[in-house]
Amino acid sequence: MLRYENIEYLNLLYGLIPIILLMVYFRNWKSKALENFGKELSKHGLISTFSKGRENIKFALLIFCISSLIIGISNPQIGTKMEEVKREGVDLMIALDLSNSMLAEDIKPNRLERAQQAISRLIDKLEGDRIGLIVF
């Protein structure tokens, strides 16, 4: 089963149609201009040969790259079935001060060791929760 996470981005593929039409118009104009102007220059060897095949390959690669980018940002996903996963628990962030003031001996053990013990007890009680630690 193919599904797209951001299917609305596929609408950008419609934007390729005007780009293709403009490029075809520009290429026709360019070849006519080269025919008219190039006759004089080619007599004197001032212009090299113009390769339409090389121009076609460059244009096709450009369209292919833009199409691939659009399909890529729509995030195609392949799988056999959709499955919802429910996650229980909370996300918890703990901020811990590691400055020298935490080493004060006004309580036993010092503030830093007491904070470490409290955090350790809290971590033991929480199951299935995500915990982050910020030290400053």
Protein backbone atom coordinates (compact mmCIF):
# COMPACT_ATOMS: atom_id res chain seq x y z
CA MET A 1 0.00 0.00 0.00
CA LEU A 2 1.48 3.31 -1.07
CA ARG A 3 0.49 6.42 0.81
CA TYR A 4 1.85 9.95 1.01
CA GLU A 5 2.31 11.75 4.30
CA ASN A 6 2.02 15.18 2.65
CA ILE A 7 -0.12 14.46 -0.39
CA GLU A 8 -0.88 18.16 -0.93
CA TYR A 9 2.68 18.66 -2.21
CA LEU A 10 1.88 16.48 -5.23
CA ASN A 11 -0.18 19.40 -6.54
CA LEU A 12 3.14 21.08 -7.29
CA LEU A 13 3.53 18.61 -10.17
CA TYR A 14 0.88 20.66 -12.00
CA GLY A 15 3.38 23.51 -11.93
CA LEU A 16 5.62 21.51 -14.25
CA ILE A 17 3.15 21.90 -17.13
CA PRO A 18 3.72 25.66 -17.58
CA ILE A 19 7.46 25.13 -17.14
CA ILE A 20 7.48 22.53 -19.92
CA LEU A 21 5.40 24.77 -22.21
CA LEU A 22 7.67 27.75 -21.56
CA MET A 23 10.77 25.67 -22.23
CA VAL A 24 9.33 24.37 -25.52
CA TYR A 25 8.47 27.92 -26.58
CA PHE A 26 11.91 29.20 -25.55
CA ARG A 27 13.70 26.37 -27.37
CA ASN A 28 11.75 27.07 -30.57
CA TRP A 29 12.59 30.76 -30.29
CA LYS A 30 16.25 29.94 -29.62
CA SER A 31 16.58 27.65 -32.63
CA LYS A 32 14.96 30.26 -34.92
CA ALA A 33 17.27 32.94 -33.57
CA LEU A 34 20.30 30.70 -34.12
CA GLU A 35 19.18 29.99 -37.68
CA ASN A 36 18.79 33.67 -38.50
CA PHE A 37 21.80 34.96 -36.65
CA GLY A 38 24.01 31.91 -36.89
CA LYS A 39 24.26 31.81 -40.67
CA GLU A 40 26.61 34.76 -40.73
CA LEU A 41 28.61 33.64 -37.70
CA SER A 42 29.04 30.07 -38.91
CA LYS A 43 30.54 31.34 -42.17
CA HIS A 44 33.36 32.88 -40.21
CA GLY A 45 33.68 29.98 -37.73
CA LEU A 46 32.67 32.10 -34.73
CA ILE A 47 29.92 29.79 -33.49
CA SER A 48 30.23 26.14 -32.57
CA THR A 49 27.66 23.58 -33.54
CA PHE A 50 24.43 23.52 -31.55
CA SER A 51 23.36 20.09 -30.29
CA LYS A 52 19.61 19.67 -29.89
CA GLY A 53 20.14 16.20 -28.42
CA ARG A 54 22.24 17.58 -25.58
CA GLU A 55 19.60 20.26 -24.91
CA ASN A 56 16.88 17.58 -24.82
CA ILE A 57 18.83 15.51 -22.31
CA LYS A 58 19.46 18.52 -20.06
CA PHE A 59 15.79 19.47 -20.16
CA ALA A 60 14.62 15.91 -19.41
CA LEU A 61 17.03 15.67 -16.47
CA LEU A 62 15.81 19.00 -15.11
CA ILE A 63 12.17 17.88 -15.23
CA PHE A 64 13.10 14.52 -13.69
CA CYS A 65 14.98 16.20 -10.82
CA ILE A 66 12.17 18.63 -10.06
CA SER A 67 9.60 15.80 -10.17
CA SER A 68 11.74 13.68 -7.84
CA LEU A 69 12.10 16.54 -5.37
CA ILE A 70 8.34 17.12 -5.34
CA ILE A 71 7.62 13.43 -4.82
CA GLY A 72 10.31 13.30 -2.14
CA ILE A 73 8.87 16.14 -0.07
CA SER A 74 5.44 14.48 -0.23
CA ASN A 75 7.09 11.62 1.74
CA PRO A 76 5.83 8.42 0.07
CA GLN A 77 5.43 5.52 2.48
CA ILE A 78 5.06 1.84 1.65
CA GLY A 79 3.54 -0.68 4.02
CA THR A 80 1.04 -3.47 4.21
CA LYS A 81 -1.21 -2.00 6.88
CA MET A 82 -1.73 1.06 9.01
CA GLU A 83 -1.28 0.60 12.72
CA GLU A 84 -1.88 3.20 15.39
CA VAL A 85 0.48 3.14 18.30
CA LYS A 86 -0.65 4.71 21.53
CA ARG A 87 2.07 5.82 23.85
CA GLU A 88 1.38 6.25 27.52
CA GLY A 89 3.45 8.22 29.95
CA VAL A 90 4.80 11.69 30.33
CA ASP A 91 7.86 13.60 29.25
CA LEU A 92 9.74 15.00 32.24
CA MET A 93 12.64 17.46 32.26
CA ILE A 94 14.74 17.94 35.39
CA ALA A 95 17.01 20.95 35.84
CA LEU A 96 19.94 20.44 38.24
CA ASP A 97 22.19 23.19 39.54
CA LEU A 98 25.86 22.13 39.70
CA SER A 99 27.29 25.36 41.06
CA ASN A 100 29.49 25.51 44.16
CA SER A 101 26.53 26.65 46.27
CA MET A 102 25.11 23.12 45.95
CA LEU A 103 28.11 21.84 47.92
CA ALA A 104 27.07 23.79 51.03
CA GLU A 105 26.88 21.61 54.16
CA ASP A 106 23.79 23.28 55.67
CA ILE A 107 21.93 19.95 55.42
CA LYS A 108 23.27 16.42 55.57
CA PRO A 109 24.20 15.17 52.97
CA ASN A 110 25.01 18.29 50.98
CA ARG A 111 22.45 19.78 48.57
CA LEU A 112 23.93 18.15 45.46
CA GLU A 113 23.91 14.63 46.92
CA ARG A 114 20.38 15.11 48.23
CA ALA A 115 19.23 16.26 44.76
CA GLN A 116 20.91 13.23 43.19
CA GLN A 117 19.11 10.92 45.63
CA ALA A 118 15.75 12.57 44.95
CA ILE A 119 16.24 12.29 41.19
CA SER A 120 17.26 8.64 41.55
CA ARG A 121 14.11 7.84 43.59
CA LEU A 122 11.96 9.65 41.02
CA ILE A 123 13.50 7.73 38.12
CA ASP A 124 12.87 4.43 39.93
CA LYS A 125 9.16 5.27 40.31
CA LEU A 126 8.58 6.31 36.69
CA GLU A 127 8.09 3.50 34.19
CA GLY A 128 7.46 4.11 30.51
CA ASP A 129 8.11 7.83 30.84
CA ARG A 130 10.81 9.82 29.13
CA ILE A 131 13.15 11.82 31.33
CA GLY A 132 15.58 14.57 30.38
CA LEU A 133 18.25 16.14 32.58
CA ILE A 134 19.44 19.72 32.22
CA VAL A 135 22.52 20.66 34.21
CA PHE A 136 23.62 24.23 34.70
